[in-house]
Each structure stands twice: as structure tokens, then as C-alpha cells.
Amino acid sequence: LRRRRSARRRPASAPESASARECGTLARATELACLALNNAIFRQPPSQSEVLAHGVLRPCVSLVLAEPVSEVTAASLELLINLTDTHPAAQAELGAEPLLLRRVVALLAAPAPGADASAAFAT
């Protein structure tokens, strides 16, 4: 005889609004689009050129600059890395983008979640 499991009760919380669900869905779709493009172009200069020709660079930079930092930021940053992998013109364009440079430096300077920021400078 099998024993029937009782249904778990979820803790009470505020109901999620439709706009919050849509925002989460859009963020996840954007993250997946970045990851899909990243897979398609990884170490494929012809594919990178094709994606660059479709104007993906500017929207990708906008995603990296968006607040707050999220999975979309990480996926779009990875896509930028692979888009510019073998394209000096795209590298130069990104290198001339001061906001992007500041954002990347800020991300590098931020302590890892749960890390003690002072430990990074201990001698």
C-alpha cells in the first residue's frame, strides 16, 4: 500500500503582479536570446560577422549598462566578448565606449556575493 503524501503548503506571500511576471518573463527571454546567439557565434568568425551586421552590438551594450545587475547583464556581457572576439572594428567601438568601460570596471571591483570586500586588499 502506498501512503499518500500530503500537499505542501506554500508560505503566504504577496501575490505577484502581472507586470512583475511579464518583466521576469521578458528578462528570461532576453537572457536566453543572448545565450542562444552566444552559442551560435562562439569561435565562428563568419557567424560573428553576420550577427554584428544585424546591429546587435548597441542593444547588447545597453543590456550590460542596465540596472540592476542580473543574469541578463552576465549573458549580454558574455555575448559582447564573443561578438568582438575576432573583429578589431567591433573591439575598437567597444573600447571607445566610456560608460561600458566604467561598468566593466565596477563589475570587476564589486565584491563577490557573500565575500568580505576588505579581504581582497589584505596583505
PDB file of N, CA and C in Angstrom:
ATOM      1  N   LEU A   1       0.827  -1.188   0.000  1.00  0.00           N
ATOM      2  CA  LEU A   1       0.000   0.000   0.000  1.00  0.00           C
ATOM      3  C   LEU A   1       0.870   1.250   0.000  1.00  0.00           C
ATOM      4  N   ARG A   2       0.505   2.172  -0.840  1.00  0.00           N
ATOM      5  CA  ARG A   2       1.211   3.448  -0.884  1.00  0.00           C
ATOM      6  C   ARG A   2       0.582   4.426   0.081  1.00  0.00           C
ATOM      7  N   ARG A   3       1.444   5.167   0.666  1.00  0.00           N
ATOM      8  CA  ARG A   3       0.964   6.206   1.549  1.00  0.00           C
ATOM      9  C   ARG A   3       0.859   7.503   0.767  1.00  0.00           C
ATOM     10  N   ARG A   4      -0.229   8.127   0.827  1.00  0.00           N
ATOM     11  CA  ARG A   4      -0.454   9.362   0.088  1.00  0.00           C
ATOM     12  C   ARG A   4       0.240  10.523   0.786  1.00  0.00           C
ATOM     13  N   ARG A   5       1.007  11.272  -0.016  1.00  0.00           N
ATOM     14  CA  ARG A   5       1.690  12.446   0.524  1.00  0.00           C
ATOM     15  C   ARG A   5       0.719  13.607   0.646  1.00  0.00           C
ATOM     16  N   SER A   6       0.873  14.312   1.697  1.00  0.00           N
ATOM     17  CA  SER A   6       0.022  15.498   1.836  1.00  0.00           C
ATOM     18  C   SER A   6       0.616  16.622   1.001  1.00  0.00           C
ATOM     19  N   ALA A   7      -0.228  17.442   0.491  1.00  0.00           N
ATOM     20  CA  ALA A   7       0.225  18.573  -0.333  1.00  0.00           C
ATOM     21  C   ALA A   7       0.949  19.569   0.553  1.00  0.00           C
ATOM     22  N   ARG A   8       2.098  20.030   0.067  1.00  0.00           N
ATOM     23  CA  ARG A   8       2.839  21.050   0.810  1.00  0.00           C
ATOM     24  C   ARG A   8       2.144  22.385   0.651  1.00  0.00           C
ATOM     25  N   ARG A   9       2.148  23.103   1.708  1.00  0.00           N
ATOM     26  CA  ARG A   9       1.564  24.434   1.660  1.00  0.00           C
ATOM     27  C   ARG A   9       2.682  25.433   1.432  1.00  0.00           C
ATOM     28  N   ARG A  10       2.474  26.307   0.506  1.00  0.00           N
ATOM     29  CA  ARG A  10       3.432  27.370   0.250  1.00  0.00           C
ATOM     30  C   ARG A  10       3.262  28.453   1.301  1.00  0.00           C
ATOM     31  N   PRO A  11       4.368  29.072   1.668  1.00  0.00           N
ATOM     32  CA  PRO A  11       4.250  30.182   2.616  1.00  0.00           C
ATOM     33  C   PRO A  11       3.455  31.326   1.990  1.00  0.00           C
ATOM     34  N   ALA A  12       2.731  31.992   2.846  1.00  0.00           N
ATOM     35  CA  ALA A  12       1.923  33.119   2.363  1.00  0.00           C
ATOM     36  C   ALA A  12       2.845  34.245   1.934  1.00  0.00           C
ATOM     37  N   SER A  13       2.596  34.800   0.784  1.00  0.00           N
ATOM     38  CA  SER A  13       3.367  35.946   0.301  1.00  0.00           C
ATOM     39  C   SER A  13       2.453  36.802  -0.547  1.00  0.00           C
ATOM     40  N   ALA A  14       2.929  37.982  -0.820  1.00  0.00           N
ATOM     41  CA  ALA A  14       2.127  38.884  -1.649  1.00  0.00           C
ATOM     42  C   ALA A  14       2.003  38.293  -3.042  1.00  0.00           C
ATOM     43  N   PRO A  15       0.825  38.364  -3.618  1.00  0.00           N
ATOM     44  CA  PRO A  15       0.663  37.824  -4.974  1.00  0.00           C
ATOM     45  C   PRO A  15       1.506  38.625  -5.968  1.00  0.00           C
ATOM     46  N   GLU A  16       2.079  37.912  -6.912  1.00  0.00           N
ATOM     47  CA  GLU A  16       2.909  38.552  -7.921  1.00  0.00           C
ATOM     48  C   GLU A  16       2.006  39.256  -8.926  1.00  0.00           C
ATOM     49  N   SER A  17       2.345  40.487  -9.236  1.00  0.00           N
ATOM     50  CA  SER A  17       1.523  41.237 -10.180  1.00  0.00           C
ATOM     51  C   SER A  17       1.795  40.753 -11.596  1.00  0.00           C
ATOM     52  N   ALA A  18       0.866  41.011 -12.482  1.00  0.00           N
ATOM     53  CA  ALA A  18       1.020  40.615 -13.884  1.00  0.00           C
ATOM     54  C   ALA A  18       2.220  41.320 -14.507  1.00  0.00           C
ATOM     55  N   SER A  19       2.439  42.587 -14.156  1.00  0.00           N
ATOM     56  CA  SER A  19       3.570  43.306 -14.741  1.00  0.00           C
ATOM     57  C   SER A  19       4.896  42.744 -14.232  1.00  0.00           C
ATOM     58  N   ALA A  20       4.947  42.292 -12.991  1.00  0.00           N
ATOM     59  CA  ALA A  20       6.174  41.687 -12.464  1.00  0.00           C
ATOM     60  C   ALA A  20       6.456  40.371 -13.178  1.00  0.00           C
ATOM     61  N   ARG A  21       5.420  39.584 -13.427  1.00  0.00           N
ATOM     62  CA  ARG A  21       5.586  38.316 -14.161  1.00  0.00           C
ATOM     63  C   ARG A  21       6.066  38.588 -15.571  1.00  0.00           C
ATOM     64  N   GLU A  22       5.460  39.588 -16.233  1.00  0.00           N
ATOM     65  CA  GLU A  22       5.863  39.931 -17.597  1.00  0.00           C
ATOM     66  C   GLU A  22       7.303  40.411 -17.634  1.00  0.00           C
ATOM     67  N   CYS A  23       7.709  41.211 -16.653  1.00  0.00           N
ATOM     68  CA  CYS A  23       9.073  41.711 -16.586  1.00  0.00           C
ATOM     69  C   CYS A  23      10.046  40.550 -16.395  1.00  0.00           C
ATOM     70  N   GLY A  24       9.702  39.615 -15.515  1.00  0.00           N
ATOM     71  CA  GLY A  24      10.539  38.434 -15.304  1.00  0.00           C
ATOM     72  C   GLY A  24      10.616  37.570 -16.544  1.00  0.00           C
ATOM     73  N   THR A  25       9.503  37.424 -17.238  1.00  0.00           N
ATOM     74  CA  THR A  25       9.470  36.631 -18.462  1.00  0.00           C
ATOM     75  C   THR A  25      10.306  37.298 -19.554  1.00  0.00           C
ATOM     76  N   LEU A  26      10.201  38.602 -19.682  1.00  0.00           N
ATOM     77  CA  LEU A  26      10.980  39.336 -20.681  1.00  0.00           C
ATOM     78  C   LEU A  26      12.473  39.239 -20.368  1.00  0.00           C
ATOM     79  N   ALA A  27      12.823  39.372 -19.093  1.00  0.00           N
ATOM     80  CA  ALA A  27      14.235  39.266 -18.699  1.00  0.00           C
ATOM     81  C   ALA A  27      14.768  37.875 -19.019  1.00  0.00           C
ATOM     82  N   ARG A  28      13.994  36.860 -18.724  1.00  0.00           N
ATOM     83  CA  ARG A  28      14.442  35.488 -19.000  1.00  0.00           C
ATOM     84  C   ARG A  28      14.548  35.258 -20.505  1.00  0.00           C
ATOM     85  N   ALA A  29      13.596  35.766 -21.275  1.00  0.00           N
ATOM     86  CA  ALA A  29      13.653  35.618 -22.735  1.00  0.00           C
ATOM     87  C   ALA A  29      14.870  36.343 -23.305  1.00  0.00           C
ATOM     88  N   THR A  30      15.168  37.523 -22.767  1.00  0.00           N
ATOM     89  CA  THR A  30      16.339  38.273 -23.223  1.00  0.00           C
ATOM     90  C   THR A  30      17.613  37.516 -22.889  1.00  0.00           C
ATOM     91  N   GLU A  31      17.679  36.975 -21.676  1.00  0.00           N
ATOM     92  CA  GLU A  31      18.842  36.178 -21.281  1.00  0.00           C
ATOM     93  C   GLU A  31      19.022  34.983 -22.216  1.00  0.00           C
ATOM     94  N   LEU A  32      17.945  34.278 -22.501  1.00  0.00           N
ATOM     95  CA  LEU A  32      18.023  33.113 -23.390  1.00  0.00           C
ATOM     96  C   LEU A  32      18.417  33.508 -24.811  1.00  0.00           C
ATOM     97  N   ALA A  33      17.940  34.659 -25.278  1.00  0.00           N
ATOM     98  CA  ALA A  33      18.321  35.128 -26.613  1.00  0.00           C
ATOM     99  C   ALA A  33      19.821  35.404 -26.665  1.00  0.00           C
ATOM    100  N   CYS A  34      20.351  36.030 -25.626  1.00  0.00           N
ATOM    101  CA  CYS A  34      21.796  36.285 -25.565  1.00  0.00           C
ATOM    102  C   CYS A  34      22.574  34.972 -25.553  1.00  0.00           C
ATOM    103  N   LEU A  35      22.115  34.022 -24.760  1.00  0.00           N
ATOM    104  CA  LEU A  35      22.800  32.736 -24.670  1.00  0.00           C
ATOM    105  C   LEU A  35      22.735  31.970 -25.986  1.00  0.00           C
ATOM    106  N   ALA A  36      21.586  32.042 -26.656  1.00  0.00           N
ATOM    107  CA  ALA A  36      21.443  31.350 -27.947  1.00  0.00           C
ATOM    108  C   ALA A  36      22.377  31.953 -28.995  1.00  0.00           C
ATOM    109  N   LEU A  37      22.389  33.283 -29.072  1.00  0.00           N
ATOM    110  CA  LEU A  37      23.305  33.944 -30.013  1.00  0.00           C
ATOM    111  C   LEU A  37      24.758  33.627 -29.664  1.00  0.00           C
ATOM    112  N   ASN A  38      25.043  33.608 -28.382  1.00  0.00           N
ATOM    113  CA  ASN A  38      26.392  33.304 -27.942  1.00  0.00           C
ATOM    114  C   ASN A  38      26.820  31.912 -28.400  1.00  0.00           C
ATOM    115  N   ASN A  39      25.936  30.949 -28.264  1.00  0.00           N
ATOM    116  CA  ASN A  39      26.246  29.587 -28.728  1.00  0.00           C
ATOM    117  C   ASN A  39      26.450  29.539 -30.231  1.00  0.00           C
ATOM    118  N   ALA A  40      25.667  30.316 -30.961  1.00  0.00           N
ATOM    119  CA  ALA A  40      25.758  30.297 -32.423  1.00  0.00           C
ATOM    120  C   ALA A  40      27.049  30.927 -32.939  1.00  0.00           C
ATOM    121  N   ILE A  41      27.597  31.885 -32.189  1.00  0.00           N
ATOM    122  CA  ILE A  41      28.761  32.615 -32.693  1.00  0.00           C
ATOM    123  C   ILE A  41      30.080  32.199 -32.070  1.00  0.00           C
ATOM    124  N   PHE A  42      30.032  31.377 -31.029  1.00  0.00           N
ATOM    125  CA  PHE A  42      31.253  31.023 -30.299  1.00  0.00           C
ATOM    126  C   PHE A  42      32.293  30.426 -31.237  1.00  0.00           C
ATOM    127  N   ARG A  43      33.417  31.124 -31.350  1.00  0.00           N
ATOM    128  CA  ARG A  43      34.551  30.718 -32.193  1.00  0.00           C
ATOM    129  C   ARG A  43      34.155  30.512 -33.655  1.00  0.00           C
ATOM    130  N   GLN A  44      33.224  31.313 -34.118  1.00  0.00           N
ATOM    131  CA  GLN A  44      32.745  31.245 -35.503  1.00  0.00           C
ATOM    132  C   GLN A  44      32.783  32.642 -36.117  1.00  0.00           C
ATOM    133  N   PRO A  45      33.953  33.108 -36.579  1.00  0.00           N
ATOM    134  CA  PRO A  45      34.039  34.471 -37.130  1.00  0.00           C
ATOM    135  C   PRO A  45      32.986  34.797 -38.189  1.00  0.00           C
ATOM    136  N   PRO A  46      32.642  33.888 -39.112  1.00  0.00           N
ATOM    137  CA  PRO A  46      31.592  34.252 -40.075  1.00  0.00           C
ATOM    138  C   PRO A  46      30.245  34.521 -39.397  1.00  0.00           C
ATOM    139  N   SER A  47      29.912  33.728 -38.397  1.00  0.00           N
ATOM    140  CA  SER A  47      28.654  33.942 -37.663  1.00  0.00           C
ATOM    141  C   SER A  47      28.714  35.227 -36.862  1.00  0.00           C
ATOM    142  N   GLN A  48      29.875  35.523 -36.271  1.00  0.00           N
ATOM    143  CA  GLN A  48      30.038  36.771 -35.537  1.00  0.00           C
ATOM    144  C   GLN A  48      29.817  37.958 -36.467  1.00  0.00           C
ATOM    145  N   SER A  49      30.395  37.908 -37.657  1.00  0.00           N
ATOM    146  CA  SER A  49      30.231  38.994 -38.627  1.00  0.00           C
ATOM    147  C   SER A  49      28.776  39.181 -38.997  1.00  0.00           C
ATOM    148  N   GLU A  50      28.074  38.088 -39.189  1.00  0.00           N
ATOM    149  CA  GLU A  50      26.657  38.152 -39.561  1.00  0.00           C
ATOM    150  C   GLU A  50      25.825  38.804 -38.454  1.00  0.00           C
ATOM    151  N   VAL A  51      26.058  38.402 -37.229  1.00  0.00           N
ATOM    152  CA  VAL A  51      25.309  38.966 -36.101  1.00  0.00           C
ATOM    153  C   VAL A  51      25.657  40.448 -35.929  1.00  0.00           C
ATOM    154  N   LEU A  52      26.936  40.793 -36.060  1.00  0.00           N
ATOM    155  CA  LEU A  52      27.335  42.199 -35.965  1.00  0.00           C
ATOM    156  C   LEU A  52      26.676  43.038 -37.062  1.00  0.00           C
ATOM    157  N   ALA A  53      26.551  42.466 -38.255  1.00  0.00           N
ATOM    158  CA  ALA A  53      25.935  43.176 -39.375  1.00  0.00           C
ATOM    159  C   ALA A  53      24.461  43.493 -39.109  1.00  0.00           C
ATOM    160  N   HIS A  54      23.840  42.732 -38.222  1.00  0.00           N
ATOM    161  CA  HIS A  54      22.431  42.969 -37.883  1.00  0.00           C
ATOM    162  C   HIS A  54      22.255  43.966 -36.735  1.00  0.00           C
ATOM    163  N   GLY A  55      23.347  44.589 -36.325  1.00  0.00           N
ATOM    164  CA  GLY A  55      23.244  45.655 -35.330  1.00  0.00           C
ATOM    165  C   GLY A  55      23.033  45.213 -33.898  1.00  0.00           C
ATOM    166  N   VAL A  56      23.552  44.081 -33.518  1.00  0.00           N
ATOM    167  CA  VAL A  56      23.353  43.552 -32.166  1.00  0.00           C
ATOM    168  C   VAL A  56      24.245  44.241 -31.128  1.00  0.00           C
ATOM    169  N   LEU A  57      25.323  44.844 -31.558  1.00  0.00           N
ATOM    170  CA  LEU A  57      26.297  45.416 -30.636  1.00  0.00           C
ATOM    171  C   LEU A  57      25.682  46.480 -29.717  1.00  0.00           C
ATOM    172  N   ARG A  58      24.987  47.467 -30.270  1.00  0.00           N
ATOM    173  CA  ARG A  58      24.408  48.555 -29.466  1.00  0.00           C
ATOM    174  C   ARG A  58      23.389  48.045 -28.442  1.00  0.00           C
ATOM    175  N   PRO A  59      22.417  47.229 -28.835  1.00  0.00           N
ATOM    176  CA  PRO A  59      21.466  46.727 -27.826  1.00  0.00           C
ATOM    177  C   PRO A  59      22.158  45.904 -26.741  1.00  0.00           C
ATOM    178  N   CYS A  60      23.193  45.181 -27.128  1.00  0.00           N
ATOM    179  CA  CYS A  60      23.928  44.366 -26.167  1.00  0.00           C
ATOM    180  C   CYS A  60      24.627  45.257 -25.141  1.00  0.00           C
ATOM    181  N   VAL A  61      25.219  46.345 -25.600  1.00  0.00           N
ATOM    182  CA  VAL A  61      25.856  47.305 -24.683  1.00  0.00           C
ATOM    183  C   VAL A  61      24.799  47.882 -23.735  1.00  0.00           C
ATOM    184  N   SER A  62      23.639  48.206 -24.256  1.00  0.00           N
ATOM    185  CA  SER A  62      22.554  48.740 -23.416  1.00  0.00           C
ATOM    186  C   SER A  62      22.160  47.759 -22.318  1.00  0.00           C
ATOM    187  N   LEU A  63      22.134  46.473 -22.652  1.00  0.00           N
ATOM    188  CA  LEU A  63      21.795  45.457 -21.649  1.00  0.00           C
ATOM    189  C   LEU A  63      22.869  45.366 -20.569  1.00  0.00           C
ATOM    190  N   VAL A  64      24.118  45.494 -20.948  1.00  0.00           N
ATOM    191  CA  VAL A  64      25.211  45.447 -19.964  1.00  0.00           C
ATOM    192  C   VAL A  64      25.111  46.644 -19.020  1.00  0.00           C
ATOM    193  N   LEU A  65      24.706  47.795 -19.544  1.00  0.00           N
ATOM    194  CA  LEU A  65      24.640  49.014 -18.741  1.00  0.00           C
ATOM    195  C   LEU A  65      23.388  49.103 -17.873  1.00  0.00           C
ATOM    196  N   ALA A  66      22.397  48.262 -18.132  1.00  0.00           N
ATOM    197  CA  ALA A  66      21.129  48.333 -17.406  1.00  0.00           C
ATOM    198  C   ALA A  66      21.303  47.955 -15.935  1.00  0.00           C
ATOM    199  N   GLU A  67      20.513  48.563 -15.109  1.00  0.00           N
ATOM    200  CA  GLU A  67      20.481  48.254 -13.680  1.00  0.00           C
ATOM    201  C   GLU A  67      19.203  47.499 -13.369  1.00  0.00           C
ATOM    202  N   PRO A  68      19.161  46.675 -12.401  1.00  0.00           N
ATOM    203  CA  PRO A  68      20.281  46.172 -11.617  1.00  0.00           C
ATOM    204  C   PRO A  68      21.033  45.078 -12.372  1.00  0.00           C
ATOM    205  N   VAL A  69      22.200  44.732 -11.866  1.00  0.00           N
ATOM    206  CA  VAL A  69      22.972  43.640 -12.450  1.00  0.00           C
ATOM    207  C   VAL A  69      22.155  42.358 -12.304  1.00  0.00           C
ATOM    208  N   SER A  70      22.077  41.596 -13.384  1.00  0.00           N
ATOM    209  CA  SER A  70      21.259  40.383 -13.366  1.00  0.00           C
ATOM    210  C   SER A  70      21.870  39.334 -14.277  1.00  0.00           C
ATOM    211  N   GLU A  71      21.143  38.247 -14.440  1.00  0.00           N
ATOM    212  CA  GLU A  71      21.573  37.209 -15.363  1.00  0.00           C
ATOM    213  C   GLU A  71      21.635  37.748 -16.788  1.00  0.00           C
ATOM    214  N   VAL A  72      20.767  38.703 -17.106  1.00  0.00           N
ATOM    215  CA  VAL A  72      20.780  39.324 -18.433  1.00  0.00           C
ATOM    216  C   VAL A  72      22.086  40.090 -18.631  1.00  0.00           C
ATOM    217  N   THR A  73      22.550  40.785 -17.586  1.00  0.00           N
ATOM    218  CA  THR A  73      23.821  41.509 -17.668  1.00  0.00           C
ATOM    219  C   THR A  73      24.943  40.535 -17.997  1.00  0.00           C
ATOM    220  N   ALA A  74      24.976  39.426 -17.273  1.00  0.00           N
ATOM    221  CA  ALA A  74      26.038  38.431 -17.482  1.00  0.00           C
ATOM    222  C   ALA A  74      25.970  37.825 -18.878  1.00  0.00           C
ATOM    223  N   ALA A  75      24.775  37.474 -19.335  1.00  0.00           N
ATOM    224  CA  ALA A  75      24.621  36.862 -20.656  1.00  0.00           C
ATOM    225  C   ALA A  75      24.983  37.842 -21.764  1.00  0.00           C
ATOM    226  N   SER A  76      24.595  39.107 -21.602  1.00  0.00           N
ATOM    227  CA  SER A  76      24.913  40.092 -22.639  1.00  0.00           C
ATOM    228  C   SER A  76      26.398  40.435 -22.634  1.00  0.00           C
ATOM    229  N   LEU A  77      27.026  40.429 -21.474  1.00  0.00           N
ATOM    230  CA  LEU A  77      28.471  40.666 -21.402  1.00  0.00           C
ATOM    231  C   LEU A  77      29.229  39.523 -22.074  1.00  0.00           C
ATOM    232  N   GLU A  78      28.787  38.313 -21.837  1.00  0.00           N
ATOM    233  CA  GLU A  78      29.403  37.155 -22.500  1.00  0.00           C
ATOM    234  C   GLU A  78      29.222  37.231 -24.011  1.00  0.00           C
ATOM    235  N   LEU A  79      28.055  37.660 -24.447  1.00  0.00           N
ATOM    236  CA  LEU A  79      27.801  37.815 -25.873  1.00  0.00           C
ATOM    237  C   LEU A  79      28.721  38.883 -26.472  1.00  0.00           C
ATOM    238  N   LEU A  80      28.898  39.997 -25.773  1.00  0.00           N
ATOM    239  CA  LEU A  80      29.820  41.035 -26.252  1.00  0.00           C
ATOM    240  C   LEU A  80      31.232  40.497 -26.411  1.00  0.00           C
ATOM    241  N   ILE A  81      31.665  39.720 -25.447  1.00  0.00           N
ATOM    242  CA  ILE A  81      33.011  39.141 -25.504  1.00  0.00           C
ATOM    243  C   ILE A  81      33.168  38.308 -26.768  1.00  0.00           C
ATOM    244  N   ASN A  82      32.206  37.451 -27.027  1.00  0.00           N
ATOM    245  CA  ASN A  82      32.318  36.566 -28.187  1.00  0.00           C
ATOM    246  C   ASN A  82      32.015  37.265 -29.505  1.00  0.00           C
ATOM    247  N   LEU A  83      31.218  38.322 -29.479  1.00  0.00           N
ATOM    248  CA  LEU A  83      30.962  39.075 -30.713  1.00  0.00           C
ATOM    249  C   LEU A  83      32.216  39.785 -31.192  1.00  0.00           C
ATOM    250  N   THR A  84      33.004  40.254 -30.272  1.00  0.00           N
ATOM    251  CA  THR A  84      34.175  41.043 -30.636  1.00  0.00           C
ATOM    252  C   THR A  84      35.451  40.209 -30.689  1.00  0.00           C
ATOM    253  N   ASP A  85      35.325  38.939 -30.480  1.00  0.00           N
ATOM    254  CA  ASP A  85      36.453  38.016 -30.401  1.00  0.00           C
ATOM    255  C   ASP A  85      37.465  38.200 -31.528  1.00  0.00           C
ATOM    256  N   THR A  86      37.009  38.245 -32.750  1.00  0.00           N
ATOM    257  CA  THR A  86      37.913  38.314 -33.907  1.00  0.00           C
ATOM    258  C   THR A  86      37.633  39.525 -34.793  1.00  0.00           C
ATOM    259  N   HIS A  87      37.017  40.556 -34.222  1.00  0.00           N
ATOM    260  CA  HIS A  87      36.624  41.718 -35.020  1.00  0.00           C
ATOM    261  C   HIS A  87      37.228  42.999 -34.453  1.00  0.00           C
ATOM    262  N   PRO A  88      38.377  43.418 -34.984  1.00  0.00           N
ATOM    263  CA  PRO A  88      39.051  44.629 -34.482  1.00  0.00           C
ATOM    264  C   PRO A  88      38.164  45.880 -34.520  1.00  0.00           C
ATOM    265  N   ALA A  89      37.317  46.017 -35.520  1.00  0.00           N
ATOM    266  CA  ALA A  89      36.459  47.209 -35.595  1.00  0.00           C
ATOM    267  C   ALA A  89      35.464  47.225 -34.433  1.00  0.00           C
ATOM    268  N   ALA A  90      34.879  46.086 -34.133  1.00  0.00           N
ATOM    269  CA  ALA A  90      33.945  45.987 -33.006  1.00  0.00           C
ATOM    270  C   ALA A  90      34.681  46.186 -31.686  1.00  0.00           C
ATOM    271  N   GLN A  91      35.892  45.667 -31.585  1.00  0.00           N
ATOM    272  CA  GLN A  91      36.703  45.866 -30.383  1.00  0.00           C
ATOM    273  C   GLN A  91      36.983  47.345 -30.179  1.00  0.00           C
ATOM    274  N   ALA A  92      37.339  48.035 -31.250  1.00  0.00           N
ATOM    275  CA  ALA A  92      37.628  49.472 -31.171  1.00  0.00           C
ATOM    276  C   ALA A  92      36.376  50.248 -30.775  1.00  0.00           C
ATOM    277  N   GLU A  93      35.230  49.863 -31.329  1.00  0.00           N
ATOM    278  CA  GLU A  93      33.977  50.542 -30.999  1.00  0.00           C
ATOM    279  C   GLU A  93      33.658  50.393 -29.514  1.00  0.00           C
ATOM    280  N   LEU A  94      33.829  49.194 -28.996  1.00  0.00           N
ATOM    281  CA  LEU A  94      33.557  48.978 -27.576  1.00  0.00           C
ATOM    282  C   LEU A  94      34.591  49.667 -26.700  1.00  0.00           C
ATOM    283  N   GLY A  95      35.836  49.666 -27.136  1.00  0.00           N
ATOM    284  CA  GLY A  95      36.892  50.322 -26.378  1.00  0.00           C
ATOM    285  C   GLY A  95      36.705  51.820 -26.276  1.00  0.00           C
ATOM    286  N   ALA A  96      35.970  52.398 -27.209  1.00  0.00           N
ATOM    287  CA  ALA A  96      35.713  53.844 -27.219  1.00  0.00           C
ATOM    288  C   ALA A  96      34.420  54.189 -26.479  1.00  0.00           C
ATOM    289  N   GLU A  97      33.833  53.223 -25.801  1.00  0.00           N
ATOM    290  CA  GLU A  97      32.567  53.409 -25.089  1.00  0.00           C
ATOM    291  C   GLU A  97      32.857  53.609 -23.595  1.00  0.00           C
ATOM    292  N   PRO A  98      32.975  54.879 -23.117  1.00  0.00           N
ATOM    293  CA  PRO A  98      33.386  55.112 -21.725  1.00  0.00           C
ATOM    294  C   PRO A  98      32.419  54.544 -20.689  1.00  0.00           C
ATOM    295  N   LEU A  99      31.127  54.595 -20.949  1.00  0.00           N
ATOM    296  CA  LEU A  99      30.166  54.041 -19.986  1.00  0.00           C
ATOM    297  C   LEU A  99      30.345  52.536 -19.830  1.00  0.00           C
ATOM    298  N   LEU A 100      30.605  51.860 -20.930  1.00  0.00           N
ATOM    299  CA  LEU A 100      30.816  50.412 -20.874  1.00  0.00           C
ATOM    300  C   LEU A 100      32.079  50.094 -20.081  1.00  0.00           C
ATOM    301  N   LEU A 101      33.129  50.850 -20.326  1.00  0.00           N
ATOM    302  CA  LEU A 101      34.379  50.629 -19.603  1.00  0.00           C
ATOM    303  C   LEU A 101      34.179  50.827 -18.101  1.00  0.00           C
ATOM    304  N   ARG A 102      33.469  51.904 -17.731  1.00  0.00           N
ATOM    305  CA  ARG A 102      33.209  52.141 -16.304  1.00  0.00           C
ATOM    306  C   ARG A 102      32.379  51.016 -15.699  1.00  0.00           C
ATOM    307  N   ARG A 103      31.407  50.522 -16.458  1.00  0.00           N
ATOM    308  CA  ARG A 103      30.547  49.450 -15.958  1.00  0.00           C
ATOM    309  C   ARG A 103      31.356  48.170 -15.719  1.00  0.00           C
ATOM    310  N   VAL A 104      32.213  47.828 -16.668  1.00  0.00           N
ATOM    311  CA  VAL A 104      33.021  46.618 -16.535  1.00  0.00           C
ATOM    312  C   VAL A 104      33.974  46.754 -15.352  1.00  0.00           C
ATOM    313  N   VAL A 105      34.584  47.915 -15.191  1.00  0.00           N
ATOM    314  CA  VAL A 105      35.475  48.143 -14.050  1.00  0.00           C
ATOM    315  C   VAL A 105      34.693  48.030 -12.741  1.00  0.00           C
ATOM    316  N   ALA A 106      33.491  48.591 -12.698  1.00  0.00           N
ATOM    317  CA  ALA A 106      32.662  48.499 -11.489  1.00  0.00           C
ATOM    318  C   ALA A 106      32.298  47.045 -11.181  1.00  0.00           C
ATOM    319  N   LEU A 107      31.974  46.277 -12.214  1.00  0.00           N
ATOM    320  CA  LEU A 107      31.654  44.863 -12.000  1.00  0.00           C
ATOM    321  C   LEU A 107      32.871  44.105 -11.485  1.00  0.00           C
ATOM    322  N   LEU A 108      34.043  44.432 -12.011  1.00  0.00           N
ATOM    323  CA  LEU A 108      35.271  43.774 -11.554  1.00  0.00           C
ATOM    324  C   LEU A 108      35.616  44.166 -10.124  1.00  0.00           C
ATOM    325  N   ALA A 109      35.295  45.387  -9.749  1.00  0.00           N
ATOM    326  CA  ALA A 109      35.634  45.884  -8.420  1.00  0.00           C
ATOM    327  C   ALA A 109      34.634  45.440  -7.353  1.00  0.00           C
ATOM    328  N   ALA A 110      33.459  45.037  -7.762  1.00  0.00           N
ATOM    329  CA  ALA A 110      32.429  44.642  -6.801  1.00  0.00           C
ATOM    330  C   ALA A 110      32.825  43.335  -6.121  1.00  0.00           C
ATOM    331  N   PRO A 111      32.635  43.266  -4.813  1.00  0.00           N
ATOM    332  CA  PRO A 111      32.949  42.013  -4.135  1.00  0.00           C
ATOM    333  C   PRO A 111      31.959  40.919  -4.548  1.00  0.00           C
ATOM    334  N   ALA A 112      32.440  39.701  -4.538  1.00  0.00           N
ATOM    335  CA  ALA A 112      31.567  38.571  -4.849  1.00  0.00           C
ATOM    336  C   ALA A 112      30.499  38.475  -3.756  1.00  0.00           C
ATOM    337  N   PRO A 113      29.301  38.011  -4.119  1.00  0.00           N
ATOM    338  CA  PRO A 113      28.246  37.875  -3.106  1.00  0.00           C
ATOM    339  C   PRO A 113      28.743  37.033  -1.937  1.00  0.00           C
ATOM    340  N   GLY A 114      28.565  37.559  -0.730  1.00  0.00           N
ATOM    341  CA  GLY A 114      28.963  36.846   0.467  1.00  0.00           C
ATOM    342  C   GLY A 114      30.434  37.004   0.830  1.00  0.00           C
ATOM    343  N   ALA A 115      31.205  37.704  -0.005  1.00  0.00           N
ATOM    344  CA  ALA A 115      32.623  37.890   0.272  1.00  0.00           C
ATOM    345  C   ALA A 115      32.849  39.146   1.080  1.00  0.00           C
ATOM    346  N   ASP A 116      33.890  39.140   1.866  1.00  0.00           N
ATOM    347  CA  ASP A 116      34.290  40.304   2.641  1.00  0.00           C
ATOM    348  C   ASP A 116      35.141  41.186   1.733  1.00  0.00           C
ATOM    349  N   ALA A 117      34.672  42.375   1.426  1.00  0.00           N
ATOM    350  CA  ALA A 117      35.384  43.261   0.495  1.00  0.00           C
ATOM    351  C   ALA A 117      36.779  43.610   0.999  1.00  0.00           C
ATOM    352  N   SER A 118      36.971  43.711   2.299  1.00  0.00           N
ATOM    353  CA  SER A 118      38.283  44.075   2.830  1.00  0.00           C
ATOM    354  C   SER A 118      39.290  42.955   2.650  1.00  0.00           C
ATOM    355  N   ALA A 119      38.836  41.706   2.513  1.00  0.00           N
ATOM    356  CA  ALA A 119      39.742  40.572   2.359  1.00  0.00           C
ATOM    357  C   ALA A 119      40.498  40.656   1.039  1.00  0.00           C
ATOM    358  N   ALA A 120      39.942  41.300   0.049  1.00  0.00           N
ATOM    359  CA  ALA A 120      40.595  41.401  -1.256  1.00  0.00           C
ATOM    360  C   ALA A 120      41.849  42.265  -1.177  1.00  0.00           C
ATOM    361  N   PHE A 121      41.914  43.160  -0.186  1.00  0.00           N
ATOM    362  CA  PHE A 121      43.053  44.067  -0.084  1.00  0.00           C
ATOM    363  C   PHE A 121      43.975  43.710   1.066  1.00  0.00           C
ATOM    364  N   ALA A 122      43.717  42.617   1.743  1.00  0.00           N
ATOM    365  CA  ALA A 122      44.570  42.199   2.866  1.00  0.00           C
ATOM    366  C   ALA A 122      45.933  41.759   2.351  1.00  0.00           C
ATOM    367  N   THR A 123      46.957  42.078   3.112  1.00  0.00           N
ATOM    368  CA  THR A 123      48.314  41.678   2.707  1.00  0.00           C
ATOM    369  C   THR A 123      48.877  40.654   3.639  1.00  0.00           C
TER     370      THR A 123
END
